[in-house]
Amino acid sequence: MINLNSSIIVFYRRDTEDRERNLKTLINWYEKHYTNYQFIIIEQDTDSDNSFIYNHDNIYHEYSNYKGSNKSEWNKMSAYNQGVKCSHYENLIFNDIDVIFDPECVIEGLEIISKENKRVILPNDGHYICVKEKLRDEFNKTKNFNYDFLLQYVDKEHYNILNYENENILVGALTTPGGGFITKKRNIFNCNGFNVNFIGWGYEDNETLLRFNKMGYPVGRLSKPFKPLFHINHAFIEREHNPYYSTNENIFKLVNKIDNKLLYLYSNTWKM
């Protein structure tokens, strides 16, 4: 067991059964590999059956404070801000509920921020490997929750070929900005948290890393080869069908365009 000494912050909404399954997998993953941590779940929905959450230690659960114009709207960035304010540890790990990181990469990331406090670390080599349903179900059925169990199905010969797929996996990206990252809590507060103007899916991860980097908190990725993040497959409800997708894209373009001085002013236009 690895002494994590960190708060893990997870945004959860049960729009499909797959989401619940993936959250259970992630909870079991942390219990298998780590000790001394706080697992924070900020949940968008208030009417789902989440009783399974309370069968585990180290879990802190709150409902999201975000109230959209309709029930289908959600805001991960607002939930992340809420989670940061609930955290007991200075080390923070933001982890999408459908993403598995190599524990070795997580530990290396924590070691880096202990020496370089202003860093933001992506605990993977950039490759985004989608785990298809067949392998996902086998992974959950075995309950060994071992990173190498998934890695054995990744073909090194096709590792750098975008969209390569076989019956078990798909190479979804080679330099993904998503999935999660590791940093210090003080860094999040110094950037006034996450940008709450993002609604639904699209560009929120890109903007977060870009804005933190421009505000003096350099983003880095681990250089170890063949250390992908694994994305556990689930049904998609919205993606590009999000009515706010274009608005989200324009927010990202604005942050990319303005200089650092204006960025500091812009980052103080919302309440964390």
C-alpha atoms as a PDB file:
ATOM      1  CA  MET A   1       0.000   0.000   0.000  1.00  0.00           C
ATOM      2  CA  ILE A   2       1.252   3.464  -0.934  1.00  0.00           C
ATOM      3  CA  ASN A   3       1.010   6.302   1.580  1.00  0.00           C
ATOM      4  CA  LEU A   4      -0.710   8.915  -0.566  1.00  0.00           C
ATOM      5  CA  ASN A   5      -1.095  11.839   1.875  1.00  0.00           C
ATOM      6  CA  SER A   6      -3.478  13.520  -0.574  1.00  0.00           C
ATOM      7  CA  SER A   7      -7.068  14.457  -1.279  1.00  0.00           C
ATOM      8  CA  ILE A   8      -8.570  12.957  -4.430  1.00  0.00           C
ATOM      9  CA  ILE A   9     -11.297  15.106  -5.962  1.00  0.00           C
ATOM     10  CA  VAL A  10     -13.866  13.467  -8.222  1.00  0.00           C
ATOM     11  CA  PHE A  11     -16.882  14.914 -10.008  1.00  0.00           C
ATOM     12  CA  TYR A  12     -19.775  12.460 -10.367  1.00  0.00           C
ATOM     13  CA  ARG A  13     -23.104  12.467 -12.118  1.00  0.00           C
ATOM     14  CA  ARG A  14     -25.125   9.347 -12.763  1.00  0.00           C
ATOM     15  CA  ASP A  15     -26.415  10.004 -16.260  1.00  0.00           C
ATOM     16  CA  THR A  16     -25.761   6.357 -17.209  1.00  0.00           C
ATOM     17  CA  GLU A  17     -25.221   3.090 -15.354  1.00  0.00           C
ATOM     18  CA  ASP A  18     -21.673   3.120 -16.695  1.00  0.00           C
ATOM     19  CA  ARG A  19     -20.853   6.193 -14.596  1.00  0.00           C
ATOM     20  CA  GLU A  20     -21.821   4.395 -11.408  1.00  0.00           C
ATOM     21  CA  ARG A  21     -19.834   1.330 -12.449  1.00  0.00           C
ATOM     22  CA  ASN A  22     -16.777   3.474 -13.191  1.00  0.00           C
ATOM     23  CA  LEU A  23     -17.003   5.272  -9.864  1.00  0.00           C
ATOM     24  CA  LYS A  24     -17.107   1.941  -8.050  1.00  0.00           C
ATOM     25  CA  THR A  25     -14.046   0.832 -10.029  1.00  0.00           C
ATOM     26  CA  LEU A  26     -12.160   4.005  -9.110  1.00  0.00           C
ATOM     27  CA  ILE A  27     -13.031   3.712  -5.413  1.00  0.00           C
ATOM     28  CA  ASN A  28     -11.844   0.093  -5.409  1.00  0.00           C
ATOM     29  CA  TRP A  29      -8.704   1.106  -7.300  1.00  0.00           C
ATOM     30  CA  TYR A  30      -7.674   3.601  -4.621  1.00  0.00           C
ATOM     31  CA  GLU A  31      -8.496   1.162  -1.831  1.00  0.00           C
ATOM     32  CA  LYS A  32      -6.340  -1.478  -3.497  1.00  0.00           C
ATOM     33  CA  HIS A  33      -3.244   0.691  -3.987  1.00  0.00           C
ATOM     34  CA  TYR A  34      -3.253   3.524  -1.439  1.00  0.00           C
ATOM     35  CA  THR A  35      -3.596   4.475   2.181  1.00  0.00           C
ATOM     36  CA  ASN A  36      -3.810   7.815   4.034  1.00  0.00           C
ATOM     37  CA  TYR A  37      -6.030   9.732   1.646  1.00  0.00           C
ATOM     38  CA  GLN A  38      -9.364  11.524   1.431  1.00  0.00           C
ATOM     39  CA  PHE A  39     -11.620  10.572  -1.492  1.00  0.00           C
ATOM     40  CA  ILE A  40     -13.911  13.524  -2.195  1.00  0.00           C
ATOM     41  CA  ILE A  41     -16.977  12.990  -4.384  1.00  0.00           C
ATOM     42  CA  ILE A  42     -18.924  16.034  -5.523  1.00  0.00           C
ATOM     43  CA  GLU A  43     -22.137  14.730  -7.064  1.00  0.00           C
ATOM     44  CA  GLN A  44     -24.295  16.661  -9.506  1.00  0.00           C
ATOM     45  CA  ASP A  45     -27.486  14.643  -8.983  1.00  0.00           C
ATOM     46  CA  THR A  46     -29.513  14.594  -5.798  1.00  0.00           C
ATOM     47  CA  ASP A  47     -31.951  11.800  -6.643  1.00  0.00           C
ATOM     48  CA  SER A  48     -29.654   8.900  -7.567  1.00  0.00           C
ATOM     49  CA  ASP A  49     -29.083   5.864  -5.372  1.00  0.00           C
ATOM     50  CA  ASN A  50     -25.579   6.455  -4.013  1.00  0.00           C
ATOM     51  CA  SER A  51     -25.819   4.262  -0.923  1.00  0.00           C
ATOM     52  CA  PHE A  52     -22.856   2.191  -2.127  1.00  0.00           C
ATOM     53  CA  ILE A  53     -20.589   5.184  -1.450  1.00  0.00           C
ATOM     54  CA  TYR A  54     -21.015   4.852   2.299  1.00  0.00           C
ATOM     55  CA  ASN A  55     -19.734   1.280   2.365  1.00  0.00           C
ATOM     56  CA  HIS A  56     -16.188   2.584   1.983  1.00  0.00           C
ATOM     57  CA  ASP A  57     -13.783   4.359   4.308  1.00  0.00           C
ATOM     58  CA  ASN A  58     -12.025   7.653   3.513  1.00  0.00           C
ATOM     59  CA  ILE A  59     -14.915   8.936   1.383  1.00  0.00           C
ATOM     60  CA  TYR A  60     -16.328  12.428   1.738  1.00  0.00           C
ATOM     61  CA  HIS A  61     -19.491  13.118  -0.278  1.00  0.00           C
ATOM     62  CA  GLU A  62     -21.323  16.359  -1.055  1.00  0.00           C
ATOM     63  CA  TYR A  63     -23.892  17.395  -3.609  1.00  0.00           C
ATOM     64  CA  SER A  64     -22.843  20.060  -6.080  1.00  0.00           C
ATOM     65  CA  ASN A  65     -23.859  23.633  -5.301  1.00  0.00           C
ATOM     66  CA  TYR A  66     -24.264  24.331  -9.023  1.00  0.00           C
ATOM     67  CA  LYS A  67     -27.837  24.875 -10.147  1.00  0.00           C
ATOM     68  CA  GLY A  68     -28.283  24.981 -13.915  1.00  0.00           C
ATOM     69  CA  SER A  69     -31.246  26.195 -15.897  1.00  0.00           C
ATOM     70  CA  ASN A  70     -32.360  22.581 -16.296  1.00  0.00           C
ATOM     71  CA  LYS A  71     -31.611  19.213 -14.738  1.00  0.00           C
ATOM     72  CA  SER A  72     -29.346  18.065 -17.580  1.00  0.00           C
ATOM     73  CA  GLU A  73     -26.842  20.902 -17.097  1.00  0.00           C
ATOM     74  CA  TRP A  74     -23.682  20.172 -15.138  1.00  0.00           C
ATOM     75  CA  ASN A  75     -20.520  22.015 -14.181  1.00  0.00           C
ATOM     76  CA  LYS A  76     -17.388  20.028 -13.334  1.00  0.00           C
ATOM     77  CA  MET A  77     -15.335  23.154 -12.681  1.00  0.00           C
ATOM     78  CA  SER A  78     -17.731  24.409 -10.021  1.00  0.00           C
ATOM     79  CA  ALA A  79     -17.663  20.957  -8.419  1.00  0.00           C
ATOM     80  CA  TYR A  80     -13.859  20.961  -8.403  1.00  0.00           C
ATOM     81  CA  ASN A  81     -13.832  24.304  -6.587  1.00  0.00           C
ATOM     82  CA  GLN A  82     -16.229  22.869  -4.035  1.00  0.00           C
ATOM     83  CA  GLY A  83     -14.014  19.820  -3.616  1.00  0.00           C
ATOM     84  CA  VAL A  84     -10.879  21.913  -3.078  1.00  0.00           C
ATOM     85  CA  LYS A  85     -12.562  23.755  -0.231  1.00  0.00           C
ATOM     86  CA  CYS A  86     -13.491  20.397   1.360  1.00  0.00           C
ATOM     87  CA  SER A  87      -9.985  18.960   1.118  1.00  0.00           C
ATOM     88  CA  HIS A  88      -7.958  18.158   4.241  1.00  0.00           C
ATOM     89  CA  TYR A  89      -4.631  17.657   2.474  1.00  0.00           C
ATOM     90  CA  GLU A  90      -2.304  20.085   0.728  1.00  0.00           C
ATOM     91  CA  ASN A  91      -1.619  17.586  -2.064  1.00  0.00           C
ATOM     92  CA  LEU A  92      -4.520  17.353  -4.504  1.00  0.00           C
ATOM     93  CA  ILE A  93      -5.217  14.733  -7.159  1.00  0.00           C
ATOM     94  CA  PHE A  94      -7.995  15.518  -9.626  1.00  0.00           C
ATOM     95  CA  ASN A  95      -9.179  12.243 -11.153  1.00  0.00           C
ATOM     96  CA  ASP A  96     -11.990  11.769 -13.674  1.00  0.00           C
ATOM     97  CA  ILE A  97     -14.160   8.851 -12.594  1.00  0.00           C
ATOM     98  CA  ASP A  98     -13.422   6.982 -15.822  1.00  0.00           C
ATOM     99  CA  VAL A  99      -9.617   7.298 -15.696  1.00  0.00           C
ATOM    100  CA  ILE A 100      -6.934   5.021 -14.239  1.00  0.00           C
ATOM    101  CA  PHE A 101      -3.379   6.299 -13.657  1.00  0.00           C
ATOM    102  CA  ASP A 102      -0.324   4.158 -13.017  1.00  0.00           C
ATOM    103  CA  PRO A 103       0.419   4.364  -9.239  1.00  0.00           C
ATOM    104  CA  GLU A 104       4.116   4.815 -10.054  1.00  0.00           C
ATOM    105  CA  CYS A 105       3.262   7.939 -12.051  1.00  0.00           C
ATOM    106  CA  VAL A 106       1.099   9.303  -9.242  1.00  0.00           C
ATOM    107  CA  ILE A 107       3.919   8.865  -6.733  1.00  0.00           C
ATOM    108  CA  GLU A 108       6.425  10.481  -9.090  1.00  0.00           C
ATOM    109  CA  GLY A 109       4.053  13.407  -9.581  1.00  0.00           C
ATOM    110  CA  LEU A 110       3.698  13.877  -5.823  1.00  0.00           C
ATOM    111  CA  GLU A 111       7.481  13.758  -5.419  1.00  0.00           C
ATOM    112  CA  ILE A 112       7.875  16.487  -8.038  1.00  0.00           C
ATOM    113  CA  ILE A 113       5.403  18.882  -6.417  1.00  0.00           C
ATOM    114  CA  SER A 114       7.021  18.295  -3.007  1.00  0.00           C
ATOM    115  CA  LYS A 115      10.225  19.790  -4.436  1.00  0.00           C
ATOM    116  CA  GLU A 116       8.702  22.258  -6.887  1.00  0.00           C
ATOM    117  CA  ASN A 117       5.583  23.508  -5.138  1.00  0.00           C
ATOM    118  CA  LYS A 118       4.187  25.550  -8.026  1.00  0.00           C
ATOM    119  CA  ARG A 119       4.105  22.690 -10.518  1.00  0.00           C
ATOM    120  CA  VAL A 120       1.058  21.030 -12.055  1.00  0.00           C
ATOM    121  CA  ILE A 121       1.785  17.440 -13.074  1.00  0.00           C
ATOM    122  CA  LEU A 122      -0.053  15.197 -15.515  1.00  0.00           C
ATOM    123  CA  PRO A 123       0.679  11.654 -14.269  1.00  0.00           C
ATOM    124  CA  ASN A 124       0.914   9.957 -17.672  1.00  0.00           C
ATOM    125  CA  ASP A 125       2.888  10.073 -20.928  1.00  0.00           C
ATOM    126  CA  GLY A 126       0.047  11.724 -22.861  1.00  0.00           C
ATOM    127  CA  HIS A 127      -1.467   8.601 -24.386  1.00  0.00           C
ATOM    128  CA  TYR A 128      -5.189   8.196 -23.813  1.00  0.00           C
ATOM    129  CA  ILE A 129      -6.062   4.517 -24.148  1.00  0.00           C
ATOM    130  CA  CYS A 130      -9.765   3.689 -24.221  1.00  0.00           C
ATOM    131  CA  VAL A 131     -10.614   0.371 -22.577  1.00  0.00           C
ATOM    132  CA  LYS A 132     -13.466  -1.264 -24.467  1.00  0.00           C
ATOM    133  CA  GLU A 133     -16.405  -2.995 -22.811  1.00  0.00           C
ATOM    134  CA  LYS A 134     -15.049  -6.526 -23.062  1.00  0.00           C
ATOM    135  CA  LEU A 135     -11.759  -5.690 -21.344  1.00  0.00           C
ATOM    136  CA  ARG A 136     -13.504  -3.324 -18.916  1.00  0.00           C
ATOM    137  CA  ASP A 137     -15.812  -6.084 -17.736  1.00  0.00           C
ATOM    138  CA  GLU A 138     -12.936  -8.537 -17.408  1.00  0.00           C
ATOM    139  CA  PHE A 139     -10.933  -5.964 -15.430  1.00  0.00           C
ATOM    140  CA  ASN A 140     -13.815  -5.466 -12.989  1.00  0.00           C
ATOM    141  CA  LYS A 141     -14.597  -9.167 -12.777  1.00  0.00           C
ATOM    142  CA  THR A 142     -11.066 -10.193 -11.777  1.00  0.00           C
ATOM    143  CA  LYS A 143     -10.975  -7.486  -9.057  1.00  0.00           C
ATOM    144  CA  ASN A 144      -7.175  -7.462  -9.116  1.00  0.00           C
ATOM    145  CA  PHE A 145      -7.215  -3.794 -10.229  1.00  0.00           C
ATOM    146  CA  ASN A 146      -3.686  -3.979 -11.571  1.00  0.00           C
ATOM    147  CA  TYR A 147      -2.318  -1.394 -14.005  1.00  0.00           C
ATOM    148  CA  ASP A 148      -0.179  -4.002 -15.763  1.00  0.00           C
ATOM    149  CA  PHE A 149      -3.295  -6.099 -16.363  1.00  0.00           C
ATOM    150  CA  LEU A 150      -4.561  -3.346 -18.686  1.00  0.00           C
ATOM    151  CA  LEU A 151      -1.131  -2.487 -20.078  1.00  0.00           C
ATOM    152  CA  GLN A 152      -0.602  -5.995 -21.400  1.00  0.00           C
ATOM    153  CA  TYR A 153      -3.366  -5.412 -23.944  1.00  0.00           C
ATOM    154  CA  VAL A 154      -1.669  -2.327 -25.416  1.00  0.00           C
ATOM    155  CA  ASP A 155       0.350  -3.125 -28.534  1.00  0.00           C
ATOM    156  CA  LYS A 156       3.666  -1.215 -28.462  1.00  0.00           C
ATOM    157  CA  GLU A 157       3.955  -1.515 -32.230  1.00  0.00           C
ATOM    158  CA  HIS A 158       0.798   0.590 -32.685  1.00  0.00           C
ATOM    159  CA  TYR A 159       1.123   2.706 -29.546  1.00  0.00           C
ATOM    160  CA  ASN A 160       1.807   5.949 -31.402  1.00  0.00           C
ATOM    161  CA  ILE A 161      -0.845   5.467 -34.081  1.00  0.00           C
ATOM    162  CA  LEU A 162      -3.824   7.690 -33.308  1.00  0.00           C
ATOM    163  CA  ASN A 163      -7.188   5.879 -33.530  1.00  0.00           C
ATOM    164  CA  TYR A 164      -5.568   2.463 -33.779  1.00  0.00           C
ATOM    165  CA  GLU A 165      -7.889  -0.093 -32.238  1.00  0.00           C
ATOM    166  CA  ASN A 166      -8.391  -3.770 -31.647  1.00  0.00           C
ATOM    167  CA  GLU A 167     -11.051  -5.710 -29.765  1.00  0.00           C
ATOM    168  CA  ASN A 168      -9.774  -4.494 -26.385  1.00  0.00           C
ATOM    169  CA  ILE A 169      -8.463  -0.933 -26.713  1.00  0.00           C
ATOM    170  CA  LEU A 170      -8.474   2.248 -28.784  1.00  0.00           C
ATOM    171  CA  VAL A 171      -5.654   4.812 -28.939  1.00  0.00           C
ATOM    172  CA  GLY A 172      -7.806   7.884 -28.365  1.00  0.00           C
ATOM    173  CA  ALA A 173      -5.118  10.575 -28.073  1.00  0.00           C
ATOM    174  CA  LEU A 174      -1.346  10.967 -27.994  1.00  0.00           C
ATOM    175  CA  THR A 175      -1.156  14.195 -25.945  1.00  0.00           C
ATOM    176  CA  THR A 176      -4.388  14.371 -23.957  1.00  0.00           C
ATOM    177  CA  PRO A 177      -4.987  17.321 -21.611  1.00  0.00           C
ATOM    178  CA  GLY A 178      -7.725  15.443 -19.783  1.00  0.00           C
ATOM    179  CA  GLY A 179      -8.090  12.767 -17.162  1.00  0.00           C
ATOM    180  CA  GLY A 180      -6.704  14.655 -14.184  1.00  0.00           C
ATOM    181  CA  PHE A 181      -3.613  16.160 -12.637  1.00  0.00           C
ATOM    182  CA  ILE A 182      -1.668  16.642  -9.406  1.00  0.00           C
ATOM    183  CA  THR A 183      -0.806  19.928  -7.687  1.00  0.00           C
ATOM    184  CA  LYS A 184      -0.806  21.806  -4.376  1.00  0.00           C
ATOM    185  CA  LYS A 185      -3.998  23.238  -2.923  1.00  0.00           C
ATOM    186  CA  ARG A 186      -2.432  26.689  -2.558  1.00  0.00           C
ATOM    187  CA  ASN A 187      -1.857  26.814  -6.328  1.00  0.00           C
ATOM    188  CA  ILE A 188      -5.560  26.333  -7.001  1.00  0.00           C
ATOM    189  CA  PHE A 189      -6.503  29.128  -4.604  1.00  0.00           C
ATOM    190  CA  ASN A 190      -3.857  31.443  -6.094  1.00  0.00           C
ATOM    191  CA  CYS A 191      -5.519  31.020  -9.513  1.00  0.00           C
ATOM    192  CA  ASN A 192      -8.976  31.607  -8.014  1.00  0.00           C
ATOM    193  CA  GLY A 193      -9.808  28.010  -8.670  1.00  0.00           C
ATOM    194  CA  PHE A 194     -11.405  26.564 -11.764  1.00  0.00           C
ATOM    195  CA  ASN A 195     -13.300  28.555 -14.370  1.00  0.00           C
ATOM    196  CA  VAL A 196     -16.988  28.120 -13.532  1.00  0.00           C
ATOM    197  CA  ASN A 197     -18.114  29.555 -16.880  1.00  0.00           C
ATOM    198  CA  PHE A 198     -17.781  26.129 -18.492  1.00  0.00           C
ATOM    199  CA  ILE A 199     -21.070  24.249 -18.710  1.00  0.00           C
ATOM    200  CA  GLY A 200     -21.091  20.615 -19.718  1.00  0.00           C
ATOM    201  CA  TRP A 201     -18.395  18.902 -21.725  1.00  0.00           C
ATOM    202  CA  GLY A 202     -15.820  20.660 -23.890  1.00  0.00           C
ATOM    203  CA  TYR A 203     -12.544  22.578 -23.456  1.00  0.00           C
ATOM    204  CA  GLU A 204     -12.677  22.811 -19.653  1.00  0.00           C
ATOM    205  CA  ASP A 205      -9.562  20.661 -19.212  1.00  0.00           C
ATOM    206  CA  ASN A 206      -7.694  22.534 -21.944  1.00  0.00           C
ATOM    207  CA  GLU A 207      -8.498  25.905 -20.391  1.00  0.00           C
ATOM    208  CA  THR A 208      -7.536  24.806 -16.895  1.00  0.00           C
ATOM    209  CA  LEU A 209      -4.033  23.734 -17.856  1.00  0.00           C
ATOM    210  CA  LEU A 210      -3.504  26.724 -20.168  1.00  0.00           C
ATOM    211  CA  ARG A 211      -4.652  29.258 -17.582  1.00  0.00           C
ATOM    212  CA  PHE A 212      -2.678  27.754 -14.693  1.00  0.00           C
ATOM    213  CA  ASN A 213       0.426  27.665 -16.874  1.00  0.00           C
ATOM    214  CA  LYS A 214       0.040  31.293 -17.946  1.00  0.00           C
ATOM    215  CA  MET A 215      -0.514  32.354 -14.328  1.00  0.00           C
ATOM    216  CA  GLY A 216       2.865  30.979 -13.250  1.00  0.00           C
ATOM    217  CA  TYR A 217       2.074  27.376 -12.344  1.00  0.00           C
ATOM    218  CA  PRO A 218       3.923  25.392 -15.014  1.00  0.00           C
ATOM    219  CA  VAL A 219       2.235  22.276 -16.323  1.00  0.00           C
ATOM    220  CA  GLY A 220       4.423  19.254 -16.936  1.00  0.00           C
ATOM    221  CA  ARG A 221       3.951  15.704 -18.080  1.00  0.00           C
ATOM    222  CA  LEU A 222       5.965  12.701 -16.933  1.00  0.00           C
ATOM    223  CA  SER A 223       8.589  11.591 -19.410  1.00  0.00           C
ATOM    224  CA  LYS A 224       8.465   7.872 -18.640  1.00  0.00           C
ATOM    225  CA  PRO A 225       7.599   5.970 -21.826  1.00  0.00           C
ATOM    226  CA  PHE A 226       4.659   3.595 -22.135  1.00  0.00           C
ATOM    227  CA  LYS A 227       2.741   5.042 -19.187  1.00  0.00           C
ATOM    228  CA  PRO A 228      -0.700   5.856 -20.626  1.00  0.00           C
ATOM    229  CA  LEU A 229      -3.818   6.776 -18.774  1.00  0.00           C
ATOM    230  CA  PHE A 230      -6.615   4.291 -19.244  1.00  0.00           C
ATOM    231  CA  HIS A 231     -10.075   5.595 -20.007  1.00  0.00           C
ATOM    232  CA  ILE A 232     -12.722   3.090 -18.918  1.00  0.00           C
ATOM    233  CA  ASN A 233     -15.414   2.998 -21.567  1.00  0.00           C
ATOM    234  CA  HIS A 234     -18.907   4.344 -20.932  1.00  0.00           C
ATOM    235  CA  ALA A 235     -21.921   5.482 -22.911  1.00  0.00           C
ATOM    236  CA  PHE A 236     -21.818   9.080 -24.151  1.00  0.00           C
ATOM    237  CA  ILE A 237     -24.846  11.242 -23.579  1.00  0.00           C
ATOM    238  CA  GLU A 238     -23.784  14.611 -24.970  1.00  0.00           C
ATOM    239  CA  ARG A 239     -20.209  15.342 -26.013  1.00  0.00           C
ATOM    240  CA  GLU A 240     -20.356  17.735 -29.014  1.00  0.00           C
ATOM    241  CA  HIS A 241     -24.157  17.807 -28.670  1.00  0.00           C
ATOM    242  CA  ASN A 242     -23.685  19.992 -25.607  1.00  0.00           C
ATOM    243  CA  PRO A 243     -25.513  23.255 -26.479  1.00  0.00           C
ATOM    244  CA  TYR A 244     -22.772  25.178 -24.668  1.00  0.00           C
ATOM    245  CA  TYR A 245     -19.927  23.536 -26.604  1.00  0.00           C
ATOM    246  CA  SER A 246     -19.282  26.590 -28.820  1.00  0.00           C
ATOM    247  CA  THR A 247     -19.435  28.905 -25.808  1.00  0.00           C
ATOM    248  CA  ASN A 248     -16.915  26.708 -24.010  1.00  0.00           C
ATOM    249  CA  GLU A 249     -14.629  26.836 -27.046  1.00  0.00           C
ATOM    250  CA  ASN A 250     -14.826  30.650 -27.144  1.00  0.00           C
ATOM    251  CA  ILE A 251     -13.864  30.843 -23.456  1.00  0.00           C
ATOM    252  CA  PHE A 252     -10.791  28.741 -24.176  1.00  0.00           C
ATOM    253  CA  LYS A 253      -9.865  30.941 -27.143  1.00  0.00           C
ATOM    254  CA  LEU A 254     -10.204  34.052 -24.967  1.00  0.00           C
ATOM    255  CA  VAL A 255      -7.864  32.649 -22.305  1.00  0.00           C
ATOM    256  CA  ASN A 256      -5.411  31.648 -25.002  1.00  0.00           C
ATOM    257  CA  LYS A 257      -5.474  35.107 -26.575  1.00  0.00           C
ATOM    258  CA  ILE A 258      -5.253  37.561 -23.655  1.00  0.00           C
ATOM    259  CA  ASP A 259      -1.986  38.517 -21.979  1.00  0.00           C
ATOM    260  CA  ASN A 260      -1.076  37.481 -18.445  1.00  0.00           C
ATOM    261  CA  LYS A 261      -2.129  40.781 -16.868  1.00  0.00           C
ATOM    262  CA  LEU A 262      -5.617  40.583 -18.335  1.00  0.00           C
ATOM    263  CA  LEU A 263      -5.749  36.901 -17.437  1.00  0.00           C
ATOM    264  CA  TYR A 264      -5.310  37.709 -13.739  1.00  0.00           C
ATOM    265  CA  LEU A 265      -8.185  40.182 -13.981  1.00  0.00           C
ATOM    266  CA  TYR A 266     -10.353  37.710 -15.880  1.00  0.00           C
ATOM    267  CA  SER A 267      -9.634  34.946 -13.361  1.00  0.00           C
ATOM    268  CA  ASN A 268     -11.125  37.078 -10.625  1.00  0.00           C
ATOM    269  CA  THR A 269     -14.463  37.599 -12.377  1.00  0.00           C
ATOM    270  CA  TRP A 270     -16.018  34.496 -10.775  1.00  0.00           C
ATOM    271  CA  LYS A 271     -16.508  33.373  -7.214  1.00  0.00           C
ATOM    272  CA  MET A 272     -14.544  30.284  -6.326  1.00  0.00           C
END
